């Protein structure tokens, strides 16, 4: 999966976010990235916080294990998740 890359100590996710959706959910792959719809608006970091909370909950890690590496203000983001394998993330997000 082009959007998922295992690195020492965790994984990197390449994410495309769609803020102000009707609900927060993973909708599949788009242009080599994991597409996530977020109910939160892209205002004052709300969408970034919602993305971190959502991914932590779906993958089953602490919020502090999910870090936004790149893309603070854009729709294309790189997220690091510590302490998990690519296989565990794939299973958590595809089910």
PDB file of N, CA and C in Angstrom:
ATOM      1  N   UNK A   1       0.849  -1.179   0.000  1.00  0.00           N
ATOM      2  CA  UNK A   1       0.000   0.000   0.000  1.00  0.00           C
ATOM      3  C   UNK A   1       0.896   1.244   0.000  1.00  0.00           C
ATOM      4  N   UNK A   2       0.731   2.081  -1.001  1.00  0.00           N
ATOM      5  CA  UNK A   2       1.622   3.244  -1.110  1.00  0.00           C
ATOM      6  C   UNK A   2       1.466   4.252   0.027  1.00  0.00           C
ATOM      7  N   UNK A   3       0.342   4.246   0.712  1.00  0.00           N
ATOM      8  CA  UNK A   3       0.098   5.224   1.781  1.00  0.00           C
ATOM      9  C   UNK A   3       0.641   4.767   3.141  1.00  0.00           C
ATOM     10  N   UNK A   4       1.178   3.577   3.203  1.00  0.00           N
ATOM     11  CA  UNK A   4       1.638   3.018   4.474  1.00  0.00           C
ATOM     12  C   UNK A   4       3.091   2.577   4.353  1.00  0.00           C
ATOM     13  N   UNK A   5       3.949   3.104   5.227  1.00  0.00           N
ATOM     14  CA  UNK A   5       5.377   2.780   5.170  1.00  0.00           C
ATOM     15  C   UNK A   5       5.882   2.484   6.579  1.00  0.00           C
ATOM     16  N   UNK A   6       6.464   1.303   6.751  1.00  0.00           N
ATOM     17  CA  UNK A   6       7.011   0.932   8.053  1.00  0.00           C
ATOM     18  C   UNK A   6       8.388   1.575   8.238  1.00  0.00           C
ATOM     19  N   UNK A   7       8.610   2.158   9.404  1.00  0.00           N
ATOM     20  CA  UNK A   7       9.892   2.774   9.761  1.00  0.00           C
ATOM     21  C   UNK A   7      10.280   2.248  11.142  1.00  0.00           C
ATOM     22  N   UNK A   8      11.544   2.400  11.531  1.00  0.00           N
ATOM     23  CA  UNK A   8      11.935   1.932  12.872  1.00  0.00           C
ATOM     24  C   UNK A   8      11.052   2.581  13.955  1.00  0.00           C
ATOM     25  N   UNK A   9      10.413   1.744  14.753  1.00  0.00           N
ATOM     26  CA  UNK A   9       9.588   2.238  15.852  1.00  0.00           C
ATOM     27  C   UNK A   9       8.153   2.558  15.509  1.00  0.00           C
ATOM     28  N   UNK A  10       7.741   2.328  14.266  1.00  0.00           N
ATOM     29  CA  UNK A  10       6.352   2.623  13.920  1.00  0.00           C
ATOM     30  C   UNK A  10       6.113   2.655  12.423  1.00  0.00           C
ATOM     31  N   UNK A  11       5.146   3.495  12.006  1.00  0.00           N
ATOM     32  CA  UNK A  11       4.795   3.607  10.594  1.00  0.00           C
ATOM     33  C   UNK A  11       4.545   5.069  10.236  1.00  0.00           C
ATOM     34  N   UNK A  12       4.642   5.353   8.947  1.00  0.00           N
ATOM     35  CA  UNK A  12       4.213   6.633   8.390  1.00  0.00           C
ATOM     36  C   UNK A  12       2.979   6.374   7.542  1.00  0.00           C
ATOM     37  N   UNK A  13       1.984   7.228   7.674  1.00  0.00           N
ATOM     38  CA  UNK A  13       0.783   7.177   6.850  1.00  0.00           C
ATOM     39  C   UNK A  13       0.735   8.429   5.993  1.00  0.00           C
ATOM     40  N   UNK A  14       0.483   8.254   4.706  1.00  0.00           N
ATOM     41  CA  UNK A  14       0.250   9.396   3.820  1.00  0.00           C
ATOM     42  C   UNK A  14      -1.265   9.514   3.701  1.00  0.00           C
ATOM     43  N   UNK A  15      -1.797  10.648   4.169  1.00  0.00           N
ATOM     44  CA  UNK A  15      -3.241  10.810   4.318  1.00  0.00           C
ATOM     45  C   UNK A  15      -3.730  11.996   3.494  1.00  0.00           C
ATOM     46  N   UNK A  16      -4.913  11.852   2.915  1.00  0.00           N
ATOM     47  CA  UNK A  16      -5.624  12.951   2.277  1.00  0.00           C
ATOM     48  C   UNK A  16      -6.890  13.170   3.095  1.00  0.00           C
ATOM     49  N   UNK A  17      -7.047  14.348   3.677  1.00  0.00           N
ATOM     50  CA  UNK A  17      -8.215  14.602   4.516  1.00  0.00           C
ATOM     51  C   UNK A  17      -9.254  15.423   3.769  1.00  0.00           C
ATOM     52  N   UNK A  18     -10.499  15.154   4.097  1.00  0.00           N
ATOM     53  CA  UNK A  18     -11.621  15.919   3.578  1.00  0.00           C
ATOM     54  C   UNK A  18     -12.395  16.443   4.790  1.00  0.00           C
ATOM     55  N   UNK A  19     -12.128  17.695   5.176  1.00  0.00           N
ATOM     56  CA  UNK A  19     -12.815  18.246   6.341  1.00  0.00           C
ATOM     57  C   UNK A  19     -14.282  18.570   6.039  1.00  0.00           C
ATOM     58  N   UNK A  20     -15.030  18.805   7.102  1.00  0.00           N
ATOM     59  CA  UNK A  20     -16.455  19.160   7.031  1.00  0.00           C
ATOM     60  C   UNK A  20     -17.306  18.097   6.341  1.00  0.00           C
ATOM     61  N   UNK A  21     -16.949  16.835   6.538  1.00  0.00           N
ATOM     62  CA  UNK A  21     -17.759  15.737   5.997  1.00  0.00           C
ATOM     63  C   UNK A  21     -18.921  15.470   6.958  1.00  0.00           C
ATOM     64  N   UNK A  22     -19.865  14.652   6.538  1.00  0.00           N
ATOM     65  CA  UNK A  22     -21.011  14.368   7.402  1.00  0.00           C
ATOM     66  C   UNK A  22     -20.607  13.561   8.632  1.00  0.00           C
ATOM     67  N   UNK A  23     -19.571  12.737   8.489  1.00  0.00           N
ATOM     68  CA  UNK A  23     -19.055  11.990   9.635  1.00  0.00           C
ATOM     69  C   UNK A  23     -17.588  11.650   9.400  1.00  0.00           C
ATOM     70  N   UNK A  24     -16.900  11.260  10.462  1.00  0.00           N
ATOM     71  CA  UNK A  24     -15.485  10.933  10.379  1.00  0.00           C
ATOM     72  C   UNK A  24     -15.326   9.458  10.062  1.00  0.00           C
ATOM     73  N   UNK A  25     -14.593   9.154   8.985  1.00  0.00           N
ATOM     74  CA  UNK A  25     -14.405   7.765   8.576  1.00  0.00           C
ATOM     75  C   UNK A  25     -13.319   7.663   7.516  1.00  0.00           C
ATOM     76  N   UNK A  26     -12.793   6.440   7.356  1.00  0.00           N
ATOM     77  CA  UNK A  26     -11.863   6.128   6.278  1.00  0.00           C
ATOM     78  C   UNK A  26     -12.704   5.747   5.066  1.00  0.00           C
ATOM     79  N   UNK A  27     -12.409   6.346   3.920  1.00  0.00           N
ATOM     80  CA  UNK A  27     -13.206   6.042   2.724  1.00  0.00           C
ATOM     81  C   UNK A  27     -12.418   5.309   1.651  1.00  0.00           C
ATOM     82  N   UNK A  28     -11.170   4.967   1.936  1.00  0.00           N
ATOM     83  CA  UNK A  28     -10.393   4.189   0.970  1.00  0.00           C
ATOM     84  C   UNK A  28      -9.121   4.894   0.558  1.00  0.00           C
ATOM     85  N   UNK A  29      -8.672   4.564  -0.635  1.00  0.00           N
ATOM     86  CA  UNK A  29      -7.419   5.109  -1.143  1.00  0.00           C
ATOM     87  C   UNK A  29      -7.719   6.077  -2.276  1.00  0.00           C
ATOM     88  N   UNK A  30      -6.971   7.192  -2.299  1.00  0.00           N
ATOM     89  CA  UNK A  30      -7.137   8.174  -3.368  1.00  0.00           C
ATOM     90  C   UNK A  30      -5.772   8.762  -3.706  1.00  0.00           C
ATOM     91  N   UNK A  31      -5.360   8.618  -4.944  1.00  0.00           N
ATOM     92  CA  UNK A  31      -4.080   9.164  -5.422  1.00  0.00           C
ATOM     93  C   UNK A  31      -2.897   8.714  -4.561  1.00  0.00           C
ATOM     94  N   UNK A  32      -2.897   7.445  -4.167  1.00  0.00           N
ATOM     95  CA  UNK A  32      -1.783   6.904  -3.392  1.00  0.00           C
ATOM     96  C   UNK A  32      -1.790   7.279  -1.922  1.00  0.00           C
ATOM     97  N   UNK A  33      -2.876   7.859  -1.442  1.00  0.00           N
ATOM     98  CA  UNK A  33      -2.989   8.245  -0.037  1.00  0.00           C
ATOM     99  C   UNK A  33      -4.255   7.631   0.565  1.00  0.00           C
ATOM    100  N   UNK A  34      -4.237   7.471   1.880  1.00  0.00           N
ATOM    101  CA  UNK A  34      -5.426   7.012   2.590  1.00  0.00           C
ATOM    102  C   UNK A  34      -6.360   8.206   2.723  1.00  0.00           C
ATOM    103  N   UNK A  35      -7.570   8.101   2.210  1.00  0.00           N
ATOM    104  CA  UNK A  35      -8.516   9.217   2.288  1.00  0.00           C
ATOM    105  C   UNK A  35      -9.371   9.082   3.545  1.00  0.00           C
ATOM    106  N   UNK A  36      -9.368  10.152   4.338  1.00  0.00           N
ATOM    107  CA  UNK A  36     -10.132  10.183   5.581  1.00  0.00           C
ATOM    108  C   UNK A  36     -11.057  11.391   5.547  1.00  0.00           C
ATOM    109  N   UNK A  37     -12.348  11.134   5.713  1.00  0.00           N
ATOM    110  CA  UNK A  37     -13.302  12.231   5.841  1.00  0.00           C
ATOM    111  C   UNK A  37     -13.399  12.598   7.311  1.00  0.00           C
ATOM    112  N   UNK A  38     -13.360  13.902   7.600  1.00  0.00           N
ATOM    113  CA  UNK A  38     -13.433  14.392   8.972  1.00  0.00           C
ATOM    114  C   UNK A  38     -14.652  15.290   9.131  1.00  0.00           C
ATOM    115  N   UNK A  39     -15.386  15.093  10.214  1.00  0.00           N
ATOM    116  CA  UNK A  39     -16.541  15.947  10.479  1.00  0.00           C
ATOM    117  C   UNK A  39     -16.096  17.343  10.919  1.00  0.00           C
ATOM    118  N   UNK A  40     -14.904  17.449  11.447  1.00  0.00           N
ATOM    119  CA  UNK A  40     -14.398  18.726  11.963  1.00  0.00           C
ATOM    120  C   UNK A  40     -14.074  19.696  10.829  1.00  0.00           C
ATOM    121  N   UNK A  41     -14.247  20.994  11.082  1.00  0.00           N
ATOM    122  CA  UNK A  41     -13.871  22.001  10.082  1.00  0.00           C
ATOM    123  C   UNK A  41     -12.363  22.267  10.122  1.00  0.00           C
ATOM    124  N   UNK A  42     -11.810  22.788   9.024  1.00  0.00           N
ATOM    125  CA  UNK A  42     -10.371  23.080   8.989  1.00  0.00           C
ATOM    126  C   UNK A  42     -10.062  24.446   9.614  1.00  0.00           C
ATOM    127  N   UNK A  43     -10.436  24.619  10.872  1.00  0.00           N
ATOM    128  CA  UNK A  43     -10.287  25.904  11.557  1.00  0.00           C
ATOM    129  C   UNK A  43      -9.538  25.697  12.870  1.00  0.00           C
ATOM    130  N   UNK A  44      -8.543  26.523  13.123  1.00  0.00           N
ATOM    131  CA  UNK A  44      -7.803  26.511  14.395  1.00  0.00           C
ATOM    132  C   UNK A  44      -7.286  25.125  14.777  1.00  0.00           C
ATOM    133  N   UNK A  45      -6.886  24.341  13.795  1.00  0.00           N
ATOM    134  CA  UNK A  45      -6.314  23.030  14.083  1.00  0.00           C
ATOM    135  C   UNK A  45      -7.325  21.961  14.458  1.00  0.00           C
ATOM    136  N   UNK A  46      -8.619  22.262  14.340  1.00  0.00           N
ATOM    137  CA  UNK A  46      -9.642  21.280  14.729  1.00  0.00           C
ATOM    138  C   UNK A  46      -9.578  20.012  13.880  1.00  0.00           C
ATOM    139  N   UNK A  47      -9.374  20.170  12.569  1.00  0.00           N
ATOM    140  CA  UNK A  47      -9.317  18.994  11.703  1.00  0.00           C
ATOM    141  C   UNK A  47      -8.084  18.145  12.017  1.00  0.00           C
ATOM    142  N   UNK A  48      -6.949  18.785  12.304  1.00  0.00           N
ATOM    143  CA  UNK A  48      -5.745  18.030  12.654  1.00  0.00           C
ATOM    144  C   UNK A  48      -5.950  17.258  13.953  1.00  0.00           C
ATOM    145  N   UNK A  49      -6.550  17.901  14.946  1.00  0.00           N
ATOM    146  CA  UNK A  49      -6.819  17.229  16.226  1.00  0.00           C
ATOM    147  C   UNK A  49      -7.794  16.070  16.033  1.00  0.00           C
ATOM    148  N   UNK A  50      -8.800  16.285  15.200  1.00  0.00           N
ATOM    149  CA  UNK A  50      -9.778  15.223  14.931  1.00  0.00           C
ATOM    150  C   UNK A  50      -9.119  14.046  14.220  1.00  0.00           C
ATOM    151  N   UNK A  51      -8.205  14.336  13.298  1.00  0.00           N
ATOM    152  CA  UNK A  51      -7.496  13.270  12.593  1.00  0.00           C
ATOM    153  C   UNK A  51      -6.654  12.445  13.561  1.00  0.00           C
ATOM    154  N   UNK A  52      -5.911  13.114  14.423  1.00  0.00           N
ATOM    155  CA  UNK A  52      -5.069  12.414  15.407  1.00  0.00           C
ATOM    156  C   UNK A  52      -5.936  11.562  16.332  1.00  0.00           C
ATOM    157  N   UNK A  53      -7.023  12.131  16.843  1.00  0.00           N
ATOM    158  CA  UNK A  53      -7.931  11.382  17.727  1.00  0.00           C
ATOM    159  C   UNK A  53      -8.520  10.169  17.012  1.00  0.00           C
ATOM    160  N   UNK A  54      -8.972  10.372  15.787  1.00  0.00           N
ATOM    161  CA  UNK A  54      -9.601   9.292  15.027  1.00  0.00           C
ATOM    162  C   UNK A  54      -8.617   8.157  14.757  1.00  0.00           C
ATOM    163  N   UNK A  55      -7.425   8.503  14.259  1.00  0.00           N
ATOM    164  CA  UNK A  55      -6.447   7.458  13.951  1.00  0.00           C
ATOM    165  C   UNK A  55      -6.009   6.710  15.207  1.00  0.00           C
ATOM    166  N   UNK A  56      -5.804   7.424  16.312  1.00  0.00           N
ATOM    167  CA  UNK A  56      -5.419   6.763  17.564  1.00  0.00           C
ATOM    168  C   UNK A  56      -6.490   5.762  17.988  1.00  0.00           C
ATOM    169  N   UNK A  57      -7.749   6.169  17.894  1.00  0.00           N
ATOM    170  CA  UNK A  57      -8.852   5.288  18.279  1.00  0.00           C
ATOM    171  C   UNK A  57      -8.987   4.080  17.376  1.00  0.00           C
ATOM    172  N   UNK A  58      -8.875   4.298  16.066  1.00  0.00           N
ATOM    173  CA  UNK A  58      -9.025   3.197  15.107  1.00  0.00           C
ATOM    174  C   UNK A  58      -7.880   2.196  15.211  1.00  0.00           C
ATOM    175  N   UNK A  59      -6.664   2.708  15.394  1.00  0.00           N
ATOM    176  CA  UNK A  59      -5.486   1.828  15.423  1.00  0.00           C
ATOM    177  C   UNK A  59      -5.292   1.222  16.807  1.00  0.00           C
ATOM    178  N   UNK A  60      -5.824   1.873  17.846  1.00  0.00           N
ATOM    179  CA  UNK A  60      -5.715   1.333  19.200  1.00  0.00           C
ATOM    180  C   UNK A  60      -4.436   1.729  19.910  1.00  0.00           C
ATOM    181  N   UNK A  61      -3.990   2.961  19.681  1.00  0.00           N
ATOM    182  CA  UNK A  61      -2.793   3.479  20.349  1.00  0.00           C
ATOM    183  C   UNK A  61      -3.174   4.747  21.119  1.00  0.00           C
ATOM    184  N   UNK A  62      -2.248   5.199  21.970  1.00  0.00           N
ATOM    185  CA  UNK A  62      -2.494   6.452  22.687  1.00  0.00           C
ATOM    186  C   UNK A  62      -2.430   7.613  21.712  1.00  0.00           C
ATOM    187  N   UNK A  63      -3.137   8.669  22.034  1.00  0.00           N
ATOM    188  CA  UNK A  63      -3.121   9.870  21.203  1.00  0.00           C
ATOM    189  C   UNK A  63      -1.693  10.400  21.056  1.00  0.00           C
ATOM    190  N   UNK A  64      -0.896  10.263  22.094  1.00  0.00           N
ATOM    191  CA  UNK A  64       0.484  10.762  22.067  1.00  0.00           C
ATOM    192  C   UNK A  64       1.380   9.951  21.124  1.00  0.00           C
ATOM    193  N   UNK A  65       0.925   8.772  20.694  1.00  0.00           N
ATOM    194  CA  UNK A  65       1.690   7.950  19.751  1.00  0.00           C
ATOM    195  C   UNK A  65       1.449   8.366  18.296  1.00  0.00           C
ATOM    196  N   UNK A  66       0.493   9.267  18.070  1.00  0.00           N
ATOM    197  CA  UNK A  66       0.154   9.721  16.724  1.00  0.00           C
ATOM    198  C   UNK A  66       0.628  11.161  16.574  1.00  0.00           C
ATOM    199  N   UNK A  67       1.514  11.395  15.600  1.00  0.00           N
ATOM    200  CA  UNK A  67       2.116  12.710  15.410  1.00  0.00           C
ATOM    201  C   UNK A  67       1.945  13.166  13.970  1.00  0.00           C
ATOM    202  N   UNK A  68       1.538  14.408  13.798  1.00  0.00           N
ATOM    203  CA  UNK A  68       1.456  14.995  12.468  1.00  0.00           C
ATOM    204  C   UNK A  68       2.842  15.478  12.077  1.00  0.00           C
ATOM    205  N   UNK A  69       3.456  14.815  11.090  1.00  0.00           N
ATOM    206  CA  UNK A  69       4.823  15.131  10.671  1.00  0.00           C
ATOM    207  C   UNK A  69       4.866  16.252   9.646  1.00  0.00           C
ATOM    208  N   UNK A  70       3.956  16.210   8.678  1.00  0.00           N
ATOM    209  CA  UNK A  70       3.902  17.220   7.618  1.00  0.00           C
ATOM    210  C   UNK A  70       2.454  17.491   7.265  1.00  0.00           C
ATOM    211  N   UNK A  71       2.193  18.716   6.786  1.00  0.00           N
ATOM    212  CA  UNK A  71       0.872  19.031   6.256  1.00  0.00           C
ATOM    213  C   UNK A  71      -0.059  19.700   7.239  1.00  0.00           C
ATOM    214  N   UNK A  72       0.484  20.481   8.166  1.00  0.00           N
ATOM    215  CA  UNK A  72      -0.359  21.155   9.166  1.00  0.00           C
ATOM    216  C   UNK A  72      -1.525  21.917   8.544  1.00  0.00           C
ATOM    217  N   UNK A  73      -1.276  22.612   7.443  1.00  0.00           N
ATOM    218  CA  UNK A  73      -2.308  23.478   6.890  1.00  0.00           C
ATOM    219  C   UNK A  73      -2.898  22.975   5.580  1.00  0.00           C
ATOM    220  N   UNK A  74      -2.440  21.832   5.093  1.00  0.00           N
ATOM    221  CA  UNK A  74      -2.950  21.322   3.822  1.00  0.00           C
ATOM    222  C   UNK A  74      -3.811  20.084   3.995  1.00  0.00           C
ATOM    223  N   UNK A  75      -4.389  19.633   2.905  1.00  0.00           N
ATOM    224  CA  UNK A  75      -5.198  18.413   2.938  1.00  0.00           C
ATOM    225  C   UNK A  75      -4.342  17.163   2.891  1.00  0.00           C
ATOM    226  N   UNK A  76      -3.135  17.278   2.329  1.00  0.00           N
ATOM    227  CA  UNK A  76      -2.206  16.142   2.260  1.00  0.00           C
ATOM    228  C   UNK A  76      -1.317  16.163   3.495  1.00  0.00           C
ATOM    229  N   UNK A  77      -1.361  15.094   4.255  1.00  0.00           N
ATOM    230  CA  UNK A  77      -0.641  15.040   5.525  1.00  0.00           C
ATOM    231  C   UNK A  77       0.180  13.765   5.639  1.00  0.00           C
ATOM    232  N   UNK A  78       1.271  13.848   6.367  1.00  0.00           N
ATOM    233  CA  UNK A  78       2.056  12.674   6.716  1.00  0.00           C
ATOM    234  C   UNK A  78       1.949  12.509   8.225  1.00  0.00           C
ATOM    235  N   UNK A  79       1.502  11.344   8.644  1.00  0.00           N
ATOM    236  CA  UNK A  79       1.265  11.058  10.057  1.00  0.00           C
ATOM    237  C   UNK A  79       2.174   9.919  10.489  1.00  0.00           C
ATOM    238  N   UNK A  80       2.823  10.081  11.640  1.00  0.00           N
ATOM    239  CA  UNK A  80       3.645   9.008  12.209  1.00  0.00           C
ATOM    240  C   UNK A  80       2.871   8.366  13.359  1.00  0.00           C
ATOM    241  N   UNK A  81       2.836   7.042  13.357  1.00  0.00           N
ATOM    242  CA  UNK A  81       2.206   6.301  14.448  1.00  0.00           C
ATOM    243  C   UNK A  81       3.297   5.431  15.062  1.00  0.00           C
ATOM    244  N   UNK A  82       3.583   5.653  16.329  1.00  0.00           N
ATOM    245  CA  UNK A  82       4.658   4.934  17.022  1.00  0.00           C
ATOM    246  C   UNK A  82       4.134   3.648  17.638  1.00  0.00           C
ATOM    247  N   UNK A  83       5.006   2.645  17.683  1.00  0.00           N
ATOM    248  CA  UNK A  83       4.720   1.423  18.417  1.00  0.00           C
ATOM    249  C   UNK A  83       3.800   0.435  17.737  1.00  0.00           C
ATOM    250  N   UNK A  84       3.626   0.559  16.424  1.00  0.00           N
ATOM    251  CA  UNK A  84       2.773  -0.383  15.696  1.00  0.00           C
ATOM    252  C   UNK A  84       3.485  -0.855  14.433  1.00  0.00           C
ATOM    253  N   UNK A  85       2.972  -1.943  13.868  1.00  0.00           N
ATOM    254  CA  UNK A  85       3.506  -2.451  12.610  1.00  0.00           C
ATOM    255  C   UNK A  85       2.573  -2.059  11.470  1.00  0.00           C
ATOM    256  N   UNK A  86       3.098  -2.100  10.259  1.00  0.00           N
ATOM    257  CA  UNK A  86       2.279  -1.799   9.089  1.00  0.00           C
ATOM    258  C   UNK A  86       1.114  -2.784   8.992  1.00  0.00           C
ATOM    259  N   UNK A  87       1.369  -4.038   9.327  1.00  0.00           N
ATOM    260  CA  UNK A  87       0.328  -5.054   9.262  1.00  0.00           C
ATOM    261  C   UNK A  87      -0.826  -4.737  10.222  1.00  0.00           C
ATOM    262  N   UNK A  88      -0.510  -4.289  11.433  1.00  0.00           N
ATOM    263  CA  UNK A  88      -1.541  -3.953  12.417  1.00  0.00           C
ATOM    264  C   UNK A  88      -2.349  -2.751  11.961  1.00  0.00           C
ATOM    265  N   UNK A  89      -1.692  -1.766  11.384  1.00  0.00           N
ATOM    266  CA  UNK A  89      -2.393  -0.574  10.902  1.00  0.00           C
ATOM    267  C   UNK A  89      -3.285  -0.923   9.733  1.00  0.00           C
ATOM    268  N   UNK A  90      -2.781  -1.722   8.816  1.00  0.00           N
ATOM    269  CA  UNK A  90      -3.583  -2.150   7.655  1.00  0.00           C
ATOM    270  C   UNK A  90      -4.841  -2.868   8.118  1.00  0.00           C
ATOM    271  N   UNK A  91      -4.691  -3.770   9.082  1.00  0.00           N
ATOM    272  CA  UNK A  91      -5.847  -4.515   9.601  1.00  0.00           C
ATOM    273  C   UNK A  91      -6.840  -3.588  10.292  1.00  0.00           C
ATOM    274  N   UNK A  92      -6.345  -2.623  11.054  1.00  0.00           N
ATOM    275  CA  UNK A  92      -7.224  -1.720  11.808  1.00  0.00           C
ATOM    276  C   UNK A  92      -8.000  -0.772  10.886  1.00  0.00           C
ATOM    277  N   UNK A  93      -7.365  -0.309   9.833  1.00  0.00           N
ATOM    278  CA  UNK A  93      -7.988   0.702   8.982  1.00  0.00           C
ATOM    279  C   UNK A  93      -8.770   0.131   7.800  1.00  0.00           C
ATOM    280  N   UNK A  94      -8.585  -1.136   7.499  1.00  0.00           N
ATOM    281  CA  UNK A  94      -9.310  -1.704   6.361  1.00  0.00           C
ATOM    282  C   UNK A  94     -10.538  -2.483   6.786  1.00  0.00           C
ATOM    283  N   UNK A  95     -10.726  -2.629   8.086  1.00  0.00           N
ATOM    284  CA  UNK A  95     -11.868  -3.410   8.554  1.00  0.00           C
ATOM    285  C   UNK A  95     -12.940  -2.553   9.009  1.00  0.00           C
TER     286      UNK A  95
END
